Amino acid sequence: MIENAFNEAAVNRRERDRLAALQRYDIIDSPSERIFDGLLQLAAQVFQVPAMLLTFVGADHIFIKSS
């Protein structure tokens, strides 16, 4: 029981840190960037898939940075 509570606290702390980093970098709802578009096109070719997405998961929504 104590071990589970410790792990949950660690996860919550990491989630707060992750969300704080997104806010600090001001990445959510920022404009598309061509460099990411090019990298995703290359990755799609390498992995032989029709599409790739670069997404950021915020506290209340998912933001697609590039596709």
PDB file of N, CA and C in Angstrom:
ATOM      1  N   MET A   1       0.823  -1.186   0.000  1.00  0.00           N
ATOM      2  CA  MET A   1       0.000   0.000   0.000  1.00  0.00           C
ATOM      3  C   MET A   1       0.872   1.257   0.000  1.00  0.00           C
ATOM      4  N   ILE A   2       1.872   1.322   0.836  1.00  0.00           N
ATOM      5  CA  ILE A   2       2.755   2.491   0.900  1.00  0.00           C
ATOM      6  C   ILE A   2       3.524   2.639  -0.404  1.00  0.00           C
ATOM      7  N   GLU A   3       3.998   1.525  -0.960  1.00  0.00           N
ATOM      8  CA  GLU A   3       4.751   1.579  -2.211  1.00  0.00           C
ATOM      9  C   GLU A   3       3.883   2.159  -3.330  1.00  0.00           C
ATOM     10  N   ASN A   4       2.635   1.758  -3.404  1.00  0.00           N
ATOM     11  CA  ASN A   4       1.725   2.265  -4.423  1.00  0.00           C
ATOM     12  C   ASN A   4       1.502   3.769  -4.261  1.00  0.00           C
ATOM     13  N   ALA A   5       1.339   4.233  -3.047  1.00  0.00           N
ATOM     14  CA  ALA A   5       1.154   5.661  -2.779  1.00  0.00           C
ATOM     15  C   ALA A   5       2.401   6.442  -3.180  1.00  0.00           C
ATOM     16  N   PHE A   6       3.576   5.882  -2.929  1.00  0.00           N
ATOM     17  CA  PHE A   6       4.826   6.540  -3.310  1.00  0.00           C
ATOM     18  C   PHE A   6       4.910   6.664  -4.825  1.00  0.00           C
ATOM     19  N   ASN A   7       4.596   5.589  -5.537  1.00  0.00           N
ATOM     20  CA  ASN A   7       4.648   5.622  -6.995  1.00  0.00           C
ATOM     21  C   ASN A   7       3.653   6.628  -7.560  1.00  0.00           C
ATOM     22  N   GLU A   8       2.472   6.693  -6.988  1.00  0.00           N
ATOM     23  CA  GLU A   8       1.466   7.648  -7.447  1.00  0.00           C
ATOM     24  C   GLU A   8       1.946   9.078  -7.229  1.00  0.00           C
ATOM     25  N   ALA A   9       2.580   9.338  -6.107  1.00  0.00           N
ATOM     26  CA  ALA A   9       3.113  10.676  -5.834  1.00  0.00           C
ATOM     27  C   ALA A   9       4.200  11.033  -6.844  1.00  0.00           C
ATOM     28  N   ALA A  10       5.054  10.069  -7.181  1.00  0.00           N
ATOM     29  CA  ALA A  10       6.117  10.314  -8.153  1.00  0.00           C
ATOM     30  C   ALA A  10       5.529  10.604  -9.532  1.00  0.00           C
ATOM     31  N   VAL A  11       4.511   9.865  -9.916  1.00  0.00           N
ATOM     32  CA  VAL A  11       3.856  10.093 -11.206  1.00  0.00           C
ATOM     33  C   VAL A  11       3.223  11.477 -11.235  1.00  0.00           C
ATOM     34  N   ASN A  12       2.533  11.852 -10.185  1.00  0.00           N
ATOM     35  CA  ASN A  12       1.907  13.177 -10.125  1.00  0.00           C
ATOM     36  C   ASN A  12       2.943  14.290 -10.216  1.00  0.00           C
ATOM     37  N   ARG A  13       4.067  14.112  -9.562  1.00  0.00           N
ATOM     38  CA  ARG A  13       5.137  15.113  -9.606  1.00  0.00           C
ATOM     39  C   ARG A  13       5.694  15.219 -11.028  1.00  0.00           C
ATOM     40  N   ARG A  14       5.923  14.078 -11.687  1.00  0.00           N
ATOM     41  CA  ARG A  14       6.431  14.101 -13.063  1.00  0.00           C
ATOM     42  C   ARG A  14       5.427  14.751 -14.013  1.00  0.00           C
ATOM     43  N   GLU A  15       4.148  14.473 -13.799  1.00  0.00           N
ATOM     44  CA  GLU A  15       3.115  15.072 -14.641  1.00  0.00           C
ATOM     45  C   GLU A  15       3.081  16.590 -14.456  1.00  0.00           C
ATOM     46  N   ARG A  16       3.188  17.057 -13.240  1.00  0.00           N
ATOM     47  CA  ARG A  16       3.243  18.509 -12.995  1.00  0.00           C
ATOM     48  C   ARG A  16       4.469  19.122 -13.667  1.00  0.00           C
ATOM     49  N   ASP A  17       5.609  18.439 -13.568  1.00  0.00           N
ATOM     50  CA  ASP A  17       6.834  18.927 -14.202  1.00  0.00           C
ATOM     51  C   ASP A  17       6.690  18.965 -15.723  1.00  0.00           C
ATOM     52  N   ARG A  18       6.072  17.936 -16.291  1.00  0.00           N
ATOM     53  CA  ARG A  18       5.875  17.861 -17.739  1.00  0.00           C
ATOM     54  C   ARG A  18       4.979  19.007 -18.219  1.00  0.00           C
ATOM     55  N   LEU A  19       3.881  19.228 -17.521  1.00  0.00           N
ATOM     56  CA  LEU A  19       2.968  20.309 -17.893  1.00  0.00           C
ATOM     57  C   LEU A  19       3.625  21.677 -17.715  1.00  0.00           C
ATOM     58  N   ALA A  20       4.436  21.827 -16.679  1.00  0.00           N
ATOM     59  CA  ALA A  20       5.155  23.086 -16.461  1.00  0.00           C
ATOM     60  C   ALA A  20       6.143  23.343 -17.598  1.00  0.00           C
ATOM     61  N   ALA A  21       6.804  22.294 -18.083  1.00  0.00           N
ATOM     62  CA  ALA A  21       7.745  22.446 -19.198  1.00  0.00           C
ATOM     63  C   ALA A  21       7.016  22.885 -20.462  1.00  0.00           C
ATOM     64  N   LEU A  22       5.855  22.301 -20.730  1.00  0.00           N
ATOM     65  CA  LEU A  22       5.075  22.730 -21.895  1.00  0.00           C
ATOM     66  C   LEU A  22       4.720  24.209 -21.793  1.00  0.00           C
ATOM     67  N   GLN A  23       4.349  24.639 -20.620  1.00  0.00           N
ATOM     68  CA  GLN A  23       4.003  26.049 -20.420  1.00  0.00           C
ATOM     69  C   GLN A  23       5.246  26.935 -20.553  1.00  0.00           C
ATOM     70  N   ARG A  24       6.356  26.488 -19.990  1.00  0.00           N
ATOM     71  CA  ARG A  24       7.599  27.259 -20.036  1.00  0.00           C
ATOM     72  C   ARG A  24       8.079  27.452 -21.481  1.00  0.00           C
ATOM     73  N   TYR A  25       7.973  26.394 -22.297  1.00  0.00           N
ATOM     74  CA  TYR A  25       8.409  26.475 -23.692  1.00  0.00           C
ATOM     75  C   TYR A  25       7.368  27.131 -24.593  1.00  0.00           C
ATOM     76  N   ASP A  26       6.173  27.382 -24.061  1.00  0.00           N
ATOM     77  CA  ASP A  26       5.103  28.047 -24.808  1.00  0.00           C
ATOM     78  C   ASP A  26       4.842  27.342 -26.143  1.00  0.00           C
ATOM     79  N   ILE A  27       4.809  26.015 -26.107  1.00  0.00           N
ATOM     80  CA  ILE A  27       4.674  25.206 -27.317  1.00  0.00           C
ATOM     81  C   ILE A  27       3.219  24.934 -27.681  1.00  0.00           C
ATOM     82  N   ILE A  28       2.348  24.851 -26.688  1.00  0.00           N
ATOM     83  CA  ILE A  28       0.943  24.545 -26.946  1.00  0.00           C
ATOM     84  C   ILE A  28       0.307  25.697 -27.725  1.00  0.00           C
ATOM     85  N   ASP A  29      -0.379  25.350 -28.809  1.00  0.00           N
ATOM     86  CA  ASP A  29      -1.065  26.304 -29.690  1.00  0.00           C
ATOM     87  C   ASP A  29      -0.113  27.266 -30.397  1.00  0.00           C
ATOM     88  N   SER A  30       1.149  26.886 -30.527  1.00  0.00           N
ATOM     89  CA  SER A  30       2.102  27.703 -31.279  1.00  0.00           C
ATOM     90  C   SER A  30       1.979  27.364 -32.772  1.00  0.00           C
ATOM     91  N   PRO A  31       2.446  28.245 -33.643  1.00  0.00           N
ATOM     92  CA  PRO A  31       2.339  27.987 -35.087  1.00  0.00           C
ATOM     93  C   PRO A  31       3.163  26.772 -35.518  1.00  0.00           C
ATOM     94  N   SER A  32       2.780  26.219 -36.654  1.00  0.00           N
ATOM     95  CA  SER A  32       3.534  25.114 -37.249  1.00  0.00           C
ATOM     96  C   SER A  32       4.941  25.594 -37.602  1.00  0.00           C
ATOM     97  N   GLU A  33       5.904  24.677 -37.585  1.00  0.00           N
ATOM     98  CA  GLU A  33       7.280  25.022 -37.943  1.00  0.00           C
ATOM     99  C   GLU A  33       7.744  24.094 -39.055  1.00  0.00           C
ATOM    100  N   ARG A  34       8.255  24.665 -40.128  1.00  0.00           N
ATOM    101  CA  ARG A  34       8.643  23.889 -41.312  1.00  0.00           C
ATOM    102  C   ARG A  34       9.687  22.830 -41.002  1.00  0.00           C
ATOM    103  N   ILE A  35      10.581  23.093 -40.075  1.00  0.00           N
ATOM    104  CA  ILE A  35      11.620  22.112 -39.749  1.00  0.00           C
ATOM    105  C   ILE A  35      10.999  20.807 -39.267  1.00  0.00           C
ATOM    106  N   PHE A  36       9.953  20.909 -38.464  1.00  0.00           N
ATOM    107  CA  PHE A  36       9.283  19.703 -37.983  1.00  0.00           C
ATOM    108  C   PHE A  36       8.567  18.992 -39.124  1.00  0.00           C
ATOM    109  N   ASP A  37       7.965  19.751 -40.035  1.00  0.00           N
ATOM    110  CA  ASP A  37       7.281  19.146 -41.178  1.00  0.00           C
ATOM    111  C   ASP A  37       8.259  18.302 -41.992  1.00  0.00           C
ATOM    112  N   GLY A  38       9.443  18.846 -42.256  1.00  0.00           N
ATOM    113  CA  GLY A  38      10.459  18.113 -43.014  1.00  0.00           C
ATOM    114  C   GLY A  38      10.930  16.862 -42.294  1.00  0.00           C
ATOM    115  N   LEU A  39      11.146  16.978 -40.997  1.00  0.00           N
ATOM    116  CA  LEU A  39      11.579  15.810 -40.217  1.00  0.00           C
ATOM    117  C   LEU A  39      10.517  14.718 -40.212  1.00  0.00           C
ATOM    118  N   LEU A  40       9.262  15.113 -40.115  1.00  0.00           N
ATOM    119  CA  LEU A  40       8.185  14.122 -40.111  1.00  0.00           C
ATOM    120  C   LEU A  40       8.023  13.466 -41.474  1.00  0.00           C
ATOM    121  N   GLN A  41       8.226  14.209 -42.551  1.00  0.00           N
ATOM    122  CA  GLN A  41       8.183  13.605 -43.886  1.00  0.00           C
ATOM    123  C   GLN A  41       9.289  12.570 -44.031  1.00  0.00           C
ATOM    124  N   LEU A  42      10.472  12.901 -43.556  1.00  0.00           N
ATOM    125  CA  LEU A  42      11.589  11.958 -43.601  1.00  0.00           C
ATOM    126  C   LEU A  42      11.293  10.721 -42.758  1.00  0.00           C
ATOM    127  N   ALA A  43      10.779  10.915 -41.560  1.00  0.00           N
ATOM    128  CA  ALA A  43      10.446   9.785 -40.687  1.00  0.00           C
ATOM    129  C   ALA A  43       9.387   8.892 -41.326  1.00  0.00           C
ATOM    130  N   ALA A  44       8.400   9.484 -41.982  1.00  0.00           N
ATOM    131  CA  ALA A  44       7.363   8.695 -42.651  1.00  0.00           C
ATOM    132  C   ALA A  44       7.968   7.846 -43.762  1.00  0.00           C
ATOM    133  N   GLN A  45       8.934   8.402 -44.489  1.00  0.00           N
ATOM    134  CA  GLN A  45       9.610   7.632 -45.537  1.00  0.00           C
ATOM    135  C   GLN A  45      10.429   6.498 -44.936  1.00  0.00           C
ATOM    136  N   VAL A  46      11.179   6.785 -43.895  1.00  0.00           N
ATOM    137  CA  VAL A  46      12.031   5.774 -43.258  1.00  0.00           C
ATOM    138  C   VAL A  46      11.197   4.612 -42.735  1.00  0.00           C
ATOM    139  N   PHE A  47      10.085   4.920 -42.082  1.00  0.00           N
ATOM    140  CA  PHE A  47       9.253   3.879 -41.481  1.00  0.00           C
ATOM    141  C   PHE A  47       8.164   3.372 -42.424  1.00  0.00           C
ATOM    142  N   GLN A  48       8.163   3.898 -43.642  1.00  0.00           N
ATOM    143  CA  GLN A  48       7.220   3.468 -44.681  1.00  0.00           C
ATOM    144  C   GLN A  48       5.772   3.507 -44.189  1.00  0.00           C
ATOM    145  N   VAL A  49       5.395   4.667 -43.690  1.00  0.00           N
ATOM    146  CA  VAL A  49       4.022   4.900 -43.230  1.00  0.00           C
ATOM    147  C   VAL A  49       3.488   6.130 -43.963  1.00  0.00           C
ATOM    148  N   PRO A  50       2.169   6.237 -44.107  1.00  0.00           N
ATOM    149  CA  PRO A  50       1.619   7.359 -44.871  1.00  0.00           C
ATOM    150  C   PRO A  50       1.691   8.714 -44.162  1.00  0.00           C
ATOM    151  N   ALA A  51       1.785   8.711 -42.843  1.00  0.00           N
ATOM    152  CA  ALA A  51       1.776   9.990 -42.125  1.00  0.00           C
ATOM    153  C   ALA A  51       2.425   9.846 -40.758  1.00  0.00           C
ATOM    154  N   MET A  52       2.920  10.958 -40.260  1.00  0.00           N
ATOM    155  CA  MET A  52       3.474  11.046 -38.905  1.00  0.00           C
ATOM    156  C   MET A  52       2.900  12.310 -38.277  1.00  0.00           C
ATOM    157  N   LEU A  53       2.806  12.293 -36.951  1.00  0.00           N
ATOM    158  CA  LEU A  53       2.334  13.458 -36.207  1.00  0.00           C
ATOM    159  C   LEU A  53       3.304  13.770 -35.081  1.00  0.00           C
ATOM    160  N   LEU A  54       3.504  15.040 -34.830  1.00  0.00           N
ATOM    161  CA  LEU A  54       4.227  15.492 -33.644  1.00  0.00           C
ATOM    162  C   LEU A  54       3.188  16.157 -32.760  1.00  0.00           C
ATOM    163  N   THR A  55       2.908  15.537 -31.626  1.00  0.00           N
ATOM    164  CA  THR A  55       1.851  16.047 -30.754  1.00  0.00           C
ATOM    165  C   THR A  55       2.392  16.346 -29.364  1.00  0.00           C
ATOM    166  N   PHE A  56       1.728  17.274 -28.713  1.00  0.00           N
ATOM    167  CA  PHE A  56       2.008  17.596 -27.321  1.00  0.00           C
ATOM    168  C   PHE A  56       0.702  17.456 -26.558  1.00  0.00           C
ATOM    169  N   VAL A  57       0.745  16.763 -25.447  1.00  0.00           N
ATOM    170  CA  VAL A  57      -0.452  16.525 -24.647  1.00  0.00           C
ATOM    171  C   VAL A  57      -0.447  17.490 -23.474  1.00  0.00           C
ATOM    172  N   GLY A  58      -1.393  18.413 -23.497  1.00  0.00           N
ATOM    173  CA  GLY A  58      -1.533  19.384 -22.424  1.00  0.00           C
ATOM    174  C   GLY A  58      -2.431  18.848 -21.329  1.00  0.00           C
ATOM    175  N   ALA A  59      -2.772  19.698 -20.405  1.00  0.00           N
ATOM    176  CA  ALA A  59      -3.624  19.297 -19.284  1.00  0.00           C
ATOM    177  C   ALA A  59      -5.035  18.976 -19.740  1.00  0.00           C
ATOM    178  N   ASP A  60      -5.498  19.676 -20.784  1.00  0.00           N
ATOM    179  CA  ASP A  60      -6.888  19.474 -21.191  1.00  0.00           C
ATOM    180  C   ASP A  60      -7.096  19.260 -22.683  1.00  0.00           C
ATOM    181  N   HIS A  61      -6.016  19.215 -23.461  1.00  0.00           N
ATOM    182  CA  HIS A  61      -6.178  18.895 -24.877  1.00  0.00           C
ATOM    183  C   HIS A  61      -4.860  18.436 -25.486  1.00  0.00           C
ATOM    184  N   ILE A  62      -4.985  17.871 -26.687  1.00  0.00           N
ATOM    185  CA  ILE A  62      -3.820  17.415 -27.442  1.00  0.00           C
ATOM    186  C   ILE A  62      -3.588  18.412 -28.572  1.00  0.00           C
ATOM    187  N   PHE A  63      -2.363  18.884 -28.692  1.00  0.00           N
ATOM    188  CA  PHE A  63      -2.001  19.863 -29.706  1.00  0.00           C
ATOM    189  C   PHE A  63      -1.125  19.186 -30.754  1.00  0.00           C
ATOM    190  N   ILE A  64      -1.531  19.261 -32.018  1.00  0.00           N
ATOM    191  CA  ILE A  64      -0.731  18.714 -33.114  1.00  0.00           C
ATOM    192  C   ILE A  64       0.181  19.826 -33.615  1.00  0.00           C
ATOM    193  N   LYS A  65       1.460  19.670 -33.349  1.00  0.00           N
ATOM    194  CA  LYS A  65       2.449  20.680 -33.735  1.00  0.00           C
ATOM    195  C   LYS A  65       2.761  20.591 -35.223  1.00  0.00           C
ATOM    196  N   SER A  66       2.819  19.372 -35.731  1.00  0.00           N
ATOM    197  CA  SER A  66       3.167  19.181 -37.131  1.00  0.00           C
ATOM    198  C   SER A  66       2.599  17.853 -37.595  1.00  0.00           C
ATOM    199  N   SER A  67       2.298  17.804 -38.892  1.00  0.00           N
ATOM    200  CA  SER A  67       1.797  16.547 -39.457  1.00  0.00           C
ATOM    201  C   SER A  67       2.314  16.363 -40.869  1.00  0.00           C
TER     202      SER A  67
END
